[in-house]
């Protein structure tokens, strides 16, 4: 496990954890972007917030105990953010949240690569 992969995975844990908790508590600054993408507020709790938070927890558990769990969590987060970008594109929403979803897709893709090197 290289220092770079540890930094990438910890960054993903923090970013996805914050994003997931923000969705779970319906953090006001994210609501307009979700509305612009046509995402119902009820989806912030499940599936959005729940999946992001579980992904962050999976990365943490995988980093500390079982690397295969980190690989599964990272792969799940990559799929999640591909779907998120697809949703924004379908809604013709290229707002700041589209940029954030793009950044998180890149981060989680790097995390998937990093966790695969641990196996």
PDB file of N, CA and C in Angstrom:
ATOM      1  N   UNK A   1       0.863  -1.171   0.000  1.00  0.00           N
ATOM      2  CA  UNK A   1       0.000   0.000   0.000  1.00  0.00           C
ATOM      3  C   UNK A   1       0.908   1.232   0.000  1.00  0.00           C
ATOM      4  N   UNK A   2       0.915   1.966  -1.088  1.00  0.00           N
ATOM      5  CA  UNK A   2       1.774   3.146  -1.191  1.00  0.00           C
ATOM      6  C   UNK A   2       1.144   4.345  -0.485  1.00  0.00           C
ATOM      7  N   UNK A   3       1.985   5.319  -0.194  1.00  0.00           N
ATOM      8  CA  UNK A   3       1.497   6.538   0.453  1.00  0.00           C
ATOM      9  C   UNK A   3       0.463   7.234  -0.432  1.00  0.00           C
ATOM     10  N   UNK A   4       0.705   7.263  -1.738  1.00  0.00           N
ATOM     11  CA  UNK A   4      -0.238   7.911  -2.652  1.00  0.00           C
ATOM     12  C   UNK A   4      -1.607   7.226  -2.609  1.00  0.00           C
ATOM     13  N   UNK A   5      -1.626   5.897  -2.608  1.00  0.00           N
ATOM     14  CA  UNK A   5      -2.920   5.205  -2.573  1.00  0.00           C
ATOM     15  C   UNK A   5      -3.637   5.446  -1.251  1.00  0.00           C
ATOM     16  N   UNK A   6      -2.898   5.530  -0.161  1.00  0.00           N
ATOM     17  CA  UNK A   6      -3.510   5.824   1.141  1.00  0.00           C
ATOM     18  C   UNK A   6      -4.123   7.219   1.133  1.00  0.00           C
ATOM     19  N   UNK A   7      -3.410   8.190   0.568  1.00  0.00           N
ATOM     20  CA  UNK A   7      -3.925   9.567   0.493  1.00  0.00           C
ATOM     21  C   UNK A   7      -5.181   9.623  -0.373  1.00  0.00           C
ATOM     22  N   UNK A   8      -5.154   8.944  -1.511  1.00  0.00           N
ATOM     23  CA  UNK A   8      -6.315   8.934  -2.414  1.00  0.00           C
ATOM     24  C   UNK A   8      -7.528   8.315  -1.719  1.00  0.00           C
ATOM     25  N   UNK A   9      -7.328   7.188  -1.050  1.00  0.00           N
ATOM     26  CA  UNK A   9      -8.452   6.508  -0.401  1.00  0.00           C
ATOM     27  C   UNK A   9      -8.983   7.332   0.768  1.00  0.00           C
ATOM     28  N   UNK A  10      -8.109   7.915   1.581  1.00  0.00           N
ATOM     29  CA  UNK A  10      -8.590   8.756   2.691  1.00  0.00           C
ATOM     30  C   UNK A  10      -9.350   9.972   2.173  1.00  0.00           C
ATOM     31  N   UNK A  11      -8.875  10.544   1.075  1.00  0.00           N
ATOM     32  CA  UNK A  11      -9.586  11.673   0.471  1.00  0.00           C
ATOM     33  C   UNK A  11     -10.983  11.241   0.028  1.00  0.00           C
ATOM     34  N   UNK A  12     -11.073  10.062  -0.563  1.00  0.00           N
ATOM     35  CA  UNK A  12     -12.378   9.543  -0.997  1.00  0.00           C
ATOM     36  C   UNK A  12     -13.287   9.254   0.195  1.00  0.00           C
ATOM     37  N   UNK A  13     -12.726   8.740   1.269  1.00  0.00           N
ATOM     38  CA  UNK A  13     -13.532   8.471   2.469  1.00  0.00           C
ATOM     39  C   UNK A  13     -14.141   9.765   2.987  1.00  0.00           C
ATOM     40  N   UNK A  14     -13.316  10.796   3.105  1.00  0.00           N
ATOM     41  CA  UNK A  14     -13.798  12.082   3.627  1.00  0.00           C
ATOM     42  C   UNK A  14     -14.812  12.712   2.671  1.00  0.00           C
ATOM     43  N   UNK A  15     -14.491  12.747   1.375  1.00  0.00           N
ATOM     44  CA  UNK A  15     -15.373  13.401   0.398  1.00  0.00           C
ATOM     45  C   UNK A  15     -16.721  12.687   0.292  1.00  0.00           C
ATOM     46  N   UNK A  16     -16.692  11.368   0.164  1.00  0.00           N
ATOM     47  CA  UNK A  16     -17.949  10.618   0.049  1.00  0.00           C
ATOM     48  C   UNK A  16     -18.720  10.618   1.360  1.00  0.00           C
ATOM     49  N   UNK A  17     -18.010  10.570   2.462  1.00  0.00           N
ATOM     50  CA  UNK A  17     -18.674  10.630   3.764  1.00  0.00           C
ATOM     51  C   UNK A  17     -19.390  11.949   3.966  1.00  0.00           C
ATOM     52  N   UNK A  18     -18.700  13.054   3.654  1.00  0.00           N
ATOM     53  CA  UNK A  18     -19.334  14.368   3.783  1.00  0.00           C
ATOM     54  C   UNK A  18     -20.523  14.493   2.838  1.00  0.00           C
ATOM     55  N   UNK A  19     -20.330  14.069   1.597  1.00  0.00           N
ATOM     56  CA  UNK A  19     -21.401  14.164   0.606  1.00  0.00           C
ATOM     57  C   UNK A  19     -22.602  13.309   1.013  1.00  0.00           C
ATOM     58  N   UNK A  20     -22.339  12.128   1.532  1.00  0.00           N
ATOM     59  CA  UNK A  20     -23.423  11.249   1.958  1.00  0.00           C
ATOM     60  C   UNK A  20     -24.193  11.800   3.143  1.00  0.00           C
ATOM     61  N   UNK A  21     -23.466  12.296   4.142  1.00  0.00           N
ATOM     62  CA  UNK A  21     -24.131  12.865   5.319  1.00  0.00           C
ATOM     63  C   UNK A  21     -24.894  14.131   4.935  1.00  0.00           C
ATOM     64  N   UNK A  22     -24.322  14.943   4.038  1.00  0.00           N
ATOM     65  CA  UNK A  22     -25.021  16.155   3.580  1.00  0.00           C
ATOM     66  C   UNK A  22     -26.353  15.788   2.926  1.00  0.00           C
ATOM     67  N   UNK A  23     -26.358  14.714   2.157  1.00  0.00           N
ATOM     68  CA  UNK A  23     -27.611  14.271   1.536  1.00  0.00           C
ATOM     69  C   UNK A  23     -28.579  13.727   2.587  1.00  0.00           C
ATOM     70  N   UNK A  24     -28.065  12.980   3.543  1.00  0.00           N
ATOM     71  CA  UNK A  24     -28.935  12.399   4.576  1.00  0.00           C
ATOM     72  C   UNK A  24     -29.636  13.461   5.417  1.00  0.00           C
ATOM     73  N   UNK A  25     -28.934  14.575   5.687  1.00  0.00           N
ATOM     74  CA  UNK A  25     -29.529  15.632   6.523  1.00  0.00           C
ATOM     75  C   UNK A  25     -30.196  16.721   5.683  1.00  0.00           C
ATOM     76  N   UNK A  26     -30.255  16.503   4.369  1.00  0.00           N
ATOM     77  CA  UNK A  26     -30.873  17.459   3.432  1.00  0.00           C
ATOM     78  C   UNK A  26     -30.241  18.848   3.577  1.00  0.00           C
ATOM     79  N   UNK A  27     -28.917  18.886   3.475  1.00  0.00           N
ATOM     80  CA  UNK A  27     -28.131  20.116   3.560  1.00  0.00           C
ATOM     81  C   UNK A  27     -28.639  21.109   2.511  1.00  0.00           C
ATOM     82  N   UNK A  28     -29.103  22.266   2.959  1.00  0.00           N
ATOM     83  CA  UNK A  28     -29.806  23.222   2.082  1.00  0.00           C
ATOM     84  C   UNK A  28     -29.062  23.593   0.796  1.00  0.00           C
ATOM     85  N   UNK A  29     -27.735  23.811   0.816  1.00  0.00           N
ATOM     86  CA  UNK A  29     -27.069  24.201  -0.434  1.00  0.00           C
ATOM     87  C   UNK A  29     -27.145  23.168  -1.558  1.00  0.00           C
ATOM     88  N   UNK A  30     -27.408  21.906  -1.251  1.00  0.00           N
ATOM     89  CA  UNK A  30     -27.475  20.915  -2.331  1.00  0.00           C
ATOM     90  C   UNK A  30     -28.873  20.767  -2.925  1.00  0.00           C
ATOM     91  N   UNK A  31     -29.873  21.300  -2.253  1.00  0.00           N
ATOM     92  CA  UNK A  31     -31.257  21.109  -2.712  1.00  0.00           C
ATOM     93  C   UNK A  31     -31.550  21.723  -4.083  1.00  0.00           C
ATOM     94  N   UNK A  32     -31.101  22.958  -4.383  1.00  0.00           N
ATOM     95  CA  UNK A  32     -31.394  23.512  -5.714  1.00  0.00           C
ATOM     96  C   UNK A  32     -30.781  22.697  -6.858  1.00  0.00           C
ATOM     97  N   UNK A  33     -29.570  22.206  -6.654  1.00  0.00           N
ATOM     98  CA  UNK A  33     -28.926  21.392  -7.688  1.00  0.00           C
ATOM     99  C   UNK A  33     -29.651  20.085  -7.928  1.00  0.00           C
ATOM    100  N   UNK A  34     -30.138  19.491  -6.866  1.00  0.00           N
ATOM    101  CA  UNK A  34     -30.905  18.252  -7.009  1.00  0.00           C
ATOM    102  C   UNK A  34     -32.221  18.513  -7.737  1.00  0.00           C
ATOM    103  N   UNK A  35     -32.859  19.620  -7.396  1.00  0.00           N
ATOM    104  CA  UNK A  35     -34.113  19.979  -8.072  1.00  0.00           C
ATOM    105  C   UNK A  35     -33.865  20.231  -9.557  1.00  0.00           C
ATOM    106  N   UNK A  36     -32.751  20.889  -9.882  1.00  0.00           N
ATOM    107  CA  UNK A  36     -32.427  21.174 -11.287  1.00  0.00           C
ATOM    108  C   UNK A  36     -32.214  19.893 -12.079  1.00  0.00           C
ATOM    109  N   UNK A  37     -31.721  18.849 -11.412  1.00  0.00           N
ATOM    110  CA  UNK A  37     -31.498  17.569 -12.082  1.00  0.00           C
ATOM    111  C   UNK A  37     -32.744  16.690 -12.062  1.00  0.00           C
ATOM    112  N   UNK A  38     -33.815  17.187 -11.432  1.00  0.00           N
ATOM    113  CA  UNK A  38     -35.054  16.427 -11.382  1.00  0.00           C
ATOM    114  C   UNK A  38     -35.054  15.308 -10.350  1.00  0.00           C
ATOM    115  N   UNK A  39     -34.192  15.434  -9.344  1.00  0.00           N
ATOM    116  CA  UNK A  39     -34.106  14.412  -8.301  1.00  0.00           C
ATOM    117  C   UNK A  39     -35.063  14.773  -7.168  1.00  0.00           C
ATOM    118  N   UNK A  40     -35.995  13.892  -6.821  1.00  0.00           N
ATOM    119  CA  UNK A  40     -36.914  14.186  -5.714  1.00  0.00           C
ATOM    120  C   UNK A  40     -36.166  14.302  -4.382  1.00  0.00           C
ATOM    121  N   UNK A  41     -36.613  15.192  -3.523  1.00  0.00           N
ATOM    122  CA  UNK A  41     -35.975  15.385  -2.215  1.00  0.00           C
ATOM    123  C   UNK A  41     -35.991  14.085  -1.416  1.00  0.00           C
ATOM    124  N   UNK A  42     -37.023  13.287  -1.576  1.00  0.00           N
ATOM    125  CA  UNK A  42     -37.115  12.025  -0.827  1.00  0.00           C
ATOM    126  C   UNK A  42     -35.968  11.071  -1.163  1.00  0.00           C
ATOM    127  N   UNK A  43     -35.371  11.207  -2.331  1.00  0.00           N
ATOM    128  CA  UNK A  43     -34.264  10.341  -2.726  1.00  0.00           C
ATOM    129  C   UNK A  43     -32.960  10.710  -2.031  1.00  0.00           C
ATOM    130  N   UNK A  44     -32.907  11.875  -1.393  1.00  0.00           N
ATOM    131  CA  UNK A  44     -31.672  12.267  -0.719  1.00  0.00           C
ATOM    132  C   UNK A  44     -31.338  11.314   0.425  1.00  0.00           C
ATOM    133  N   UNK A  45     -32.363  10.835   1.124  1.00  0.00           N
ATOM    134  CA  UNK A  45     -32.119   9.903   2.220  1.00  0.00           C
ATOM    135  C   UNK A  45     -31.754   8.529   1.667  1.00  0.00           C
ATOM    136  N   UNK A  46     -32.643   7.977   0.867  1.00  0.00           N
ATOM    137  CA  UNK A  46     -32.357   6.723   0.184  1.00  0.00           C
ATOM    138  C   UNK A  46     -32.829   6.839  -1.247  1.00  0.00           C
ATOM    139  N   UNK A  47     -32.012   6.592  -2.186  1.00  0.00           N
ATOM    140  CA  UNK A  47     -30.739   5.886  -2.149  1.00  0.00           C
ATOM    141  C   UNK A  47     -29.496   6.769  -2.025  1.00  0.00           C
ATOM    142  N   UNK A  48     -29.579   8.057  -2.342  1.00  0.00           N
ATOM    143  CA  UNK A  48     -28.380   8.879  -2.516  1.00  0.00           C
ATOM    144  C   UNK A  48     -27.504   8.939  -1.266  1.00  0.00           C
ATOM    145  N   UNK A  49     -28.028   9.479  -0.191  1.00  0.00           N
ATOM    146  CA  UNK A  49     -27.227   9.638   1.022  1.00  0.00           C
ATOM    147  C   UNK A  49     -26.773   8.315   1.609  1.00  0.00           C
ATOM    148  N   UNK A  50     -27.659   7.343   1.594  1.00  0.00           N
ATOM    149  CA  UNK A  50     -27.335   6.030   2.153  1.00  0.00           C
ATOM    150  C   UNK A  50     -26.205   5.367   1.378  1.00  0.00           C
ATOM    151  N   UNK A  51     -26.280   5.372   0.052  1.00  0.00           N
ATOM    152  CA  UNK A  51     -25.255   4.706  -0.753  1.00  0.00           C
ATOM    153  C   UNK A  51     -23.899   5.399  -0.639  1.00  0.00           C
ATOM    154  N   UNK A  52     -23.884   6.724  -0.644  1.00  0.00           N
ATOM    155  CA  UNK A  52     -22.609   7.437  -0.500  1.00  0.00           C
ATOM    156  C   UNK A  52     -21.978   7.162   0.861  1.00  0.00           C
ATOM    157  N   UNK A  53     -22.793   7.200   1.905  1.00  0.00           N
ATOM    158  CA  UNK A  53     -22.280   6.970   3.256  1.00  0.00           C
ATOM    159  C   UNK A  53     -21.787   5.533   3.416  1.00  0.00           C
ATOM    160  N   UNK A  54     -22.549   4.577   2.913  1.00  0.00           N
ATOM    161  CA  UNK A  54     -22.110   3.181   2.979  1.00  0.00           C
ATOM    162  C   UNK A  54     -20.845   2.953   2.156  1.00  0.00           C
ATOM    163  N   UNK A  55     -20.721   3.659   1.035  1.00  0.00           N
ATOM    164  CA  UNK A  55     -19.499   3.563   0.243  1.00  0.00           C
ATOM    165  C   UNK A  55     -18.288   4.054   1.020  1.00  0.00           C
ATOM    166  N   UNK A  56     -18.443   5.178   1.715  1.00  0.00           N
ATOM    167  CA  UNK A  56     -17.343   5.710   2.530  1.00  0.00           C
ATOM    168  C   UNK A  56     -16.995   4.742   3.660  1.00  0.00           C
ATOM    169  N   UNK A  57     -18.011   4.173   4.298  1.00  0.00           N
ATOM    170  CA  UNK A  57     -17.768   3.199   5.370  1.00  0.00           C
ATOM    171  C   UNK A  57     -17.072   1.958   4.809  1.00  0.00           C
ATOM    172  N   UNK A  58     -17.491   1.517   3.633  1.00  0.00           N
ATOM    173  CA  UNK A  58     -16.851   0.368   2.991  1.00  0.00           C
ATOM    174  C   UNK A  58     -15.392   0.625   2.678  1.00  0.00           C
ATOM    175  N   UNK A  59     -15.075   1.833   2.218  1.00  0.00           N
ATOM    176  CA  UNK A  59     -13.674   2.176   1.971  1.00  0.00           C
ATOM    177  C   UNK A  59     -12.870   2.138   3.265  1.00  0.00           C
ATOM    178  N   UNK A  60     -13.452   2.664   4.335  1.00  0.00           N
ATOM    179  CA  UNK A  60     -12.763   2.682   5.625  1.00  0.00           C
ATOM    180  C   UNK A  60     -12.525   1.261   6.144  1.00  0.00           C
ATOM    181  N   UNK A  61     -13.562   0.432   6.122  1.00  0.00           N
ATOM    182  CA  UNK A  61     -13.421  -0.957   6.574  1.00  0.00           C
ATOM    183  C   UNK A  61     -12.406  -1.690   5.703  1.00  0.00           C
ATOM    184  N   UNK A  62     -12.472  -1.464   4.404  1.00  0.00           N
ATOM    185  CA  UNK A  62     -11.535  -2.110   3.496  1.00  0.00           C
ATOM    186  C   UNK A  62     -10.103  -1.680   3.718  1.00  0.00           C
ATOM    187  N   UNK A  63      -9.920  -0.431   4.052  1.00  0.00           N
ATOM    188  CA  UNK A  63      -8.565   0.069   4.288  1.00  0.00           C
ATOM    189  C   UNK A  63      -7.995  -0.496   5.588  1.00  0.00           C
ATOM    190  N   UNK A  64      -8.841  -0.629   6.594  1.00  0.00           N
ATOM    191  CA  UNK A  64      -8.368  -1.060   7.907  1.00  0.00           C
ATOM    192  C   UNK A  64      -8.328  -2.576   8.080  1.00  0.00           C
ATOM    193  N   UNK A  65      -9.182  -3.308   7.358  1.00  0.00           N
ATOM    194  CA  UNK A  65      -9.295  -4.735   7.651  1.00  0.00           C
ATOM    195  C   UNK A  65      -9.270  -5.649   6.422  1.00  0.00           C
ATOM    196  N   UNK A  66     -10.114  -5.387   5.437  1.00  0.00           N
ATOM    197  CA  UNK A  66     -10.289  -6.324   4.323  1.00  0.00           C
ATOM    198  C   UNK A  66     -10.260  -5.569   3.000  1.00  0.00           C
ATOM    199  N   UNK A  67      -9.118  -5.566   2.307  1.00  0.00           N
ATOM    200  CA  UNK A  67      -8.997  -4.792   1.067  1.00  0.00           C
ATOM    201  C   UNK A  67     -10.057  -5.093   0.015  1.00  0.00           C
ATOM    202  N   UNK A  68     -10.562  -6.317  -0.020  1.00  0.00           N
ATOM    203  CA  UNK A  68     -11.573  -6.650  -1.025  1.00  0.00           C
ATOM    204  C   UNK A  68     -12.852  -5.837  -0.807  1.00  0.00           C
ATOM    205  N   UNK A  69     -13.146  -5.469   0.427  1.00  0.00           N
ATOM    206  CA  UNK A  69     -14.316  -4.629   0.713  1.00  0.00           C
ATOM    207  C   UNK A  69     -14.098  -3.233   0.140  1.00  0.00           C
ATOM    208  N   UNK A  70     -12.871  -2.730   0.219  1.00  0.00           N
ATOM    209  CA  UNK A  70     -12.567  -1.412  -0.349  1.00  0.00           C
ATOM    210  C   UNK A  70     -12.742  -1.422  -1.862  1.00  0.00           C
ATOM    211  N   UNK A  71     -12.342  -2.506  -2.503  1.00  0.00           N
ATOM    212  CA  UNK A  71     -12.512  -2.618  -3.959  1.00  0.00           C
ATOM    213  C   UNK A  71     -13.997  -2.590  -4.316  1.00  0.00           C
ATOM    214  N   UNK A  72     -14.801  -3.354  -3.589  1.00  0.00           N
ATOM    215  CA  UNK A  72     -16.246  -3.390  -3.851  1.00  0.00           C
ATOM    216  C   UNK A  72     -16.879  -2.022  -3.607  1.00  0.00           C
ATOM    217  N   UNK A  73     -16.476  -1.356  -2.526  1.00  0.00           N
ATOM    218  CA  UNK A  73     -17.027  -0.032  -2.214  1.00  0.00           C
ATOM    219  C   UNK A  73     -16.635   0.983  -3.284  1.00  0.00           C
ATOM    220  N   UNK A  74     -15.378   0.958  -3.702  1.00  0.00           N
ATOM    221  CA  UNK A  74     -14.922   1.895  -4.731  1.00  0.00           C
ATOM    222  C   UNK A  74     -15.643   1.642  -6.053  1.00  0.00           C
ATOM    223  N   UNK A  75     -15.817   0.381  -6.416  1.00  0.00           N
ATOM    224  CA  UNK A  75     -16.536   0.053  -7.654  1.00  0.00           C
ATOM    225  C   UNK A  75     -17.982   0.530  -7.573  1.00  0.00           C
ATOM    226  N   UNK A  76     -18.612   0.332  -6.430  1.00  0.00           N
ATOM    227  CA  UNK A  76     -19.981   0.806  -6.244  1.00  0.00           C
ATOM    228  C   UNK A  76     -20.089   2.315  -6.355  1.00  0.00           C
ATOM    229  N   UNK A  77     -19.118   3.028  -5.798  1.00  0.00           N
ATOM    230  CA  UNK A  77     -19.131   4.492  -5.881  1.00  0.00           C
ATOM    231  C   UNK A  77     -18.897   4.974  -7.314  1.00  0.00           C
ATOM    232  N   UNK A  78     -18.056   4.275  -8.061  1.00  0.00           N
ATOM    233  CA  UNK A  78     -17.853   4.641  -9.472  1.00  0.00           C
ATOM    234  C   UNK A  78     -19.162   4.480 -10.239  1.00  0.00           C
ATOM    235  N   UNK A  79     -19.841   3.359 -10.048  1.00  0.00           N
ATOM    236  CA  UNK A  79     -21.132   3.139 -10.720  1.00  0.00           C
ATOM    237  C   UNK A  79     -22.137   4.206 -10.297  1.00  0.00           C
ATOM    238  N   UNK A  80     -22.175   4.517  -9.000  1.00  0.00           N
ATOM    239  CA  UNK A  80     -23.092   5.534  -8.491  1.00  0.00           C
ATOM    240  C   UNK A  80     -22.871   6.861  -9.207  1.00  0.00           C
ATOM    241  N   UNK A  81     -21.607   7.301  -9.319  1.00  0.00           N
ATOM    242  CA  UNK A  81     -21.358   8.614  -9.908  1.00  0.00           C
ATOM    243  C   UNK A  81     -21.486   8.617 -11.429  1.00  0.00           C
ATOM    244  N   UNK A  82     -21.307   7.483 -12.085  1.00  0.00           N
ATOM    245  CA  UNK A  82     -21.629   7.401 -13.512  1.00  0.00           C
ATOM    246  C   UNK A  82     -23.129   7.635 -13.691  1.00  0.00           C
ATOM    247  N   UNK A  83     -23.928   7.007 -12.846  1.00  0.00           N
ATOM    248  CA  UNK A  83     -25.387   7.205 -12.900  1.00  0.00           C
ATOM    249  C   UNK A  83     -25.768   8.641 -12.553  1.00  0.00           C
ATOM    250  N   UNK A  84     -25.071   9.239 -11.589  1.00  0.00           N
ATOM    251  CA  UNK A  84     -25.351  10.631 -11.217  1.00  0.00           C
ATOM    252  C   UNK A  84     -25.073  11.568 -12.392  1.00  0.00           C
ATOM    253  N   UNK A  85     -23.944  11.364 -13.062  1.00  0.00           N
ATOM    254  CA  UNK A  85     -23.629  12.211 -14.220  1.00  0.00           C
ATOM    255  C   UNK A  85     -24.646  12.007 -15.337  1.00  0.00           C
ATOM    256  N   UNK A  86     -25.048  10.771 -15.552  1.00  0.00           N
ATOM    257  CA  UNK A  86     -26.054  10.483 -16.568  1.00  0.00           C
ATOM    258  C   UNK A  86     -27.356  11.221 -16.257  1.00  0.00           C
ATOM    259  N   UNK A  87     -27.746  11.233 -14.990  1.00  0.00           N
ATOM    260  CA  UNK A  87     -28.960  11.939 -14.569  1.00  0.00           C
ATOM    261  C   UNK A  87     -28.843  13.429 -14.849  1.00  0.00           C
ATOM    262  N   UNK A  88     -27.697  14.022 -14.530  1.00  0.00           N
ATOM    263  CA  UNK A  88     -27.496  15.454 -14.780  1.00  0.00           C
ATOM    264  C   UNK A  88     -27.515  15.759 -16.283  1.00  0.00           C
ATOM    265  N   UNK A  89     -26.898  14.895 -17.085  1.00  0.00           N
ATOM    266  CA  UNK A  89     -26.874  15.114 -18.536  1.00  0.00           C
ATOM    267  C   UNK A  89     -28.288  15.015 -19.109  1.00  0.00           C
ATOM    268  N   UNK A  90     -29.056  14.013 -18.675  1.00  0.00           N
ATOM    269  CA  UNK A  90     -30.434  13.876 -19.159  1.00  0.00           C
ATOM    270  C   UNK A  90     -31.279  15.097 -18.829  1.00  0.00           C
ATOM    271  N   UNK A  91     -31.002  15.707 -17.679  1.00  0.00           N
ATOM    272  CA  UNK A  91     -31.767  16.882 -17.248  1.00  0.00           C
ATOM    273  C   UNK A  91     -31.191  18.179 -17.819  1.00  0.00           C
ATOM    274  N   UNK A  92     -30.152  18.071 -18.648  1.00  0.00           N
ATOM    275  CA  UNK A  92     -29.471  19.250 -19.207  1.00  0.00           C
ATOM    276  C   UNK A  92     -28.998  20.181 -18.091  1.00  0.00           C
ATOM    277  N   UNK A  93     -28.526  19.588 -17.005  1.00  0.00           N
ATOM    278  CA  UNK A  93     -28.067  20.343 -15.841  1.00  0.00           C
ATOM    279  C   UNK A  93     -26.547  20.281 -15.766  1.00  0.00           C
ATOM    280  N   UNK A  94     -25.914  21.365 -16.125  1.00  0.00           N
ATOM    281  CA  UNK A  94     -24.458  21.443 -16.051  1.00  0.00           C
ATOM    282  C   UNK A  94     -24.040  22.424 -14.962  1.00  0.00           C
ATOM    283  N   UNK A  95     -24.737  22.367 -13.837  1.00  0.00           N
ATOM    284  CA  UNK A  95     -24.484  23.269 -12.715  1.00  0.00           C
ATOM    285  C   UNK A  95     -23.233  22.835 -11.954  1.00  0.00           C
ATOM    286  N   UNK A  96     -23.000  23.501 -10.844  1.00  0.00           N
ATOM    287  CA  UNK A  96     -21.849  23.183 -10.000  1.00  0.00           C
ATOM    288  C   UNK A  96     -21.913  21.739  -9.501  1.00  0.00           C
ATOM    289  N   UNK A  97     -23.108  21.227  -9.273  1.00  0.00           N
ATOM    290  CA  UNK A  97     -23.209  19.842  -8.804  1.00  0.00           C
ATOM    291  C   UNK A  97     -22.794  18.843  -9.880  1.00  0.00           C
ATOM    292  N   UNK A  98     -22.944  19.206 -11.144  1.00  0.00           N
ATOM    293  CA  UNK A  98     -22.431  18.358 -12.218  1.00  0.00           C
ATOM    294  C   UNK A  98     -20.913  18.296 -12.120  1.00  0.00           C
ATOM    295  N   UNK A  99     -20.301  19.445 -11.874  1.00  0.00           N
ATOM    296  CA  UNK A  99     -18.844  19.492 -11.701  1.00  0.00           C
ATOM    297  C   UNK A  99     -18.390  18.698 -10.492  1.00  0.00           C
ATOM    298  N   UNK A 100     -19.133  18.799  -9.403  1.00  0.00           N
ATOM    299  CA  UNK A 100     -18.801  18.040  -8.197  1.00  0.00           C
ATOM    300  C   UNK A 100     -18.929  16.540  -8.453  1.00  0.00           C
ATOM    301  N   UNK A 101     -19.986  16.138  -9.129  1.00  0.00           N
ATOM    302  CA  UNK A 101     -20.162  14.715  -9.447  1.00  0.00           C
ATOM    303  C   UNK A 101     -19.040  14.217 -10.354  1.00  0.00           C
ATOM    304  N   UNK A 102     -18.600  15.061 -11.285  1.00  0.00           N
ATOM    305  CA  UNK A 102     -17.481  14.697 -12.159  1.00  0.00           C
ATOM    306  C   UNK A 102     -16.209  14.509 -11.344  1.00  0.00           C
ATOM    307  N   UNK A 103     -15.946  15.448 -10.440  1.00  0.00           N
ATOM    308  CA  UNK A 103     -14.754  15.353  -9.587  1.00  0.00           C
ATOM    309  C   UNK A 103     -14.804  14.099  -8.716  1.00  0.00           C
ATOM    310  N   UNK A 104     -15.973  13.794  -8.175  1.00  0.00           N
ATOM    311  CA  UNK A 104     -16.098  12.599  -7.336  1.00  0.00           C
ATOM    312  C   UNK A 104     -15.978  11.317  -8.161  1.00  0.00           C
ATOM    313  N   UNK A 105     -16.423  11.343  -9.409  1.00  0.00           N
ATOM    314  CA  UNK A 105     -16.225  10.183 -10.277  1.00  0.00           C
ATOM    315  C   UNK A 105     -14.733   9.958 -10.520  1.00  0.00           C
ATOM    316  N   UNK A 106     -14.008  11.024 -10.801  1.00  0.00           N
ATOM    317  CA  UNK A 106     -12.560  10.912 -11.020  1.00  0.00           C
ATOM    318  C   UNK A 106     -11.873  10.402  -9.748  1.00  0.00           C
ATOM    319  N   UNK A 107     -12.230  10.990  -8.599  1.00  0.00           N
ATOM    320  CA  UNK A 107     -11.638  10.569  -7.324  1.00  0.00           C
ATOM    321  C   UNK A 107     -11.941   9.100  -7.036  1.00  0.00           C
ATOM    322  N   UNK A 108     -13.182   8.688  -7.230  1.00  0.00           N
ATOM    323  CA  UNK A 108     -13.538   7.297  -6.942  1.00  0.00           C
ATOM    324  C   UNK A 108     -12.949   6.325  -7.957  1.00  0.00           C
ATOM    325  N   UNK A 109     -12.734   6.772  -9.183  1.00  0.00           N
ATOM    326  CA  UNK A 109     -12.041   5.933 -10.167  1.00  0.00           C
ATOM    327  C   UNK A 109     -10.587   5.725  -9.747  1.00  0.00           C
ATOM    328  N   UNK A 110      -9.947   6.791  -9.286  1.00  0.00           N
ATOM    329  CA  UNK A 110      -8.575   6.677  -8.777  1.00  0.00           C
ATOM    330  C   UNK A 110      -8.539   5.784  -7.536  1.00  0.00           C
ATOM    331  N   UNK A 111      -9.570   5.882  -6.716  1.00  0.00           N
ATOM    332  CA  UNK A 111      -9.658   5.045  -5.519  1.00  0.00           C
ATOM    333  C   UNK A 111      -9.812   3.577  -5.902  1.00  0.00           C
ATOM    334  N   UNK A 112     -10.623   3.301  -6.908  1.00  0.00           N
ATOM    335  CA  UNK A 112     -10.776   1.922  -7.379  1.00  0.00           C
ATOM    336  C   UNK A 112      -9.432   1.387  -7.854  1.00  0.00           C
ATOM    337  N   UNK A 113      -8.719   2.172  -8.635  1.00  0.00           N
ATOM    338  CA  UNK A 113      -7.396   1.759  -9.098  1.00  0.00           C
ATOM    339  C   UNK A 113      -6.474   1.501  -7.904  1.00  0.00           C
ATOM    340  N   UNK A 114      -6.469   2.418  -6.943  1.00  0.00           N
ATOM    341  CA  UNK A 114      -5.588   2.283  -5.777  1.00  0.00           C
ATOM    342  C   UNK A 114      -5.920   1.028  -4.978  1.00  0.00           C
ATOM    343  N   UNK A 115      -7.200   0.761  -4.773  1.00  0.00           N
ATOM    344  CA  UNK A 115      -7.575  -0.409  -3.974  1.00  0.00           C
ATOM    345  C   UNK A 115      -7.285  -1.715  -4.714  1.00  0.00           C
ATOM    346  N   UNK A 116      -7.359  -1.686  -6.029  1.00  0.00           N
ATOM    347  CA  UNK A 116      -7.019  -2.894  -6.794  1.00  0.00           C
ATOM    348  C   UNK A 116      -5.548  -3.251  -6.641  1.00  0.00           C
ATOM    349  N   UNK A 117      -4.703  -2.263  -6.407  1.00  0.00           N
ATOM    350  CA  UNK A 117      -3.270  -2.541  -6.230  1.00  0.00           C
ATOM    351  C   UNK A 117      -2.987  -3.195  -4.882  1.00  0.00           C
ATOM    352  N   UNK A 118      -3.955  -3.159  -3.960  1.00  0.00           N
ATOM    353  CA  UNK A 118      -3.750  -3.770  -2.641  1.00  0.00           C
ATOM    354  C   UNK A 118      -3.971  -5.272  -2.651  1.00  0.00           C
ATOM    355  N   UNK A 119      -4.653  -5.772  -3.672  1.00  0.00           N
ATOM    356  CA  UNK A 119      -4.985  -7.208  -3.689  1.00  0.00           C
ATOM    357  C   UNK A 119      -3.791  -8.043  -4.083  1.00  0.00           C
TER     358      UNK A 119
END
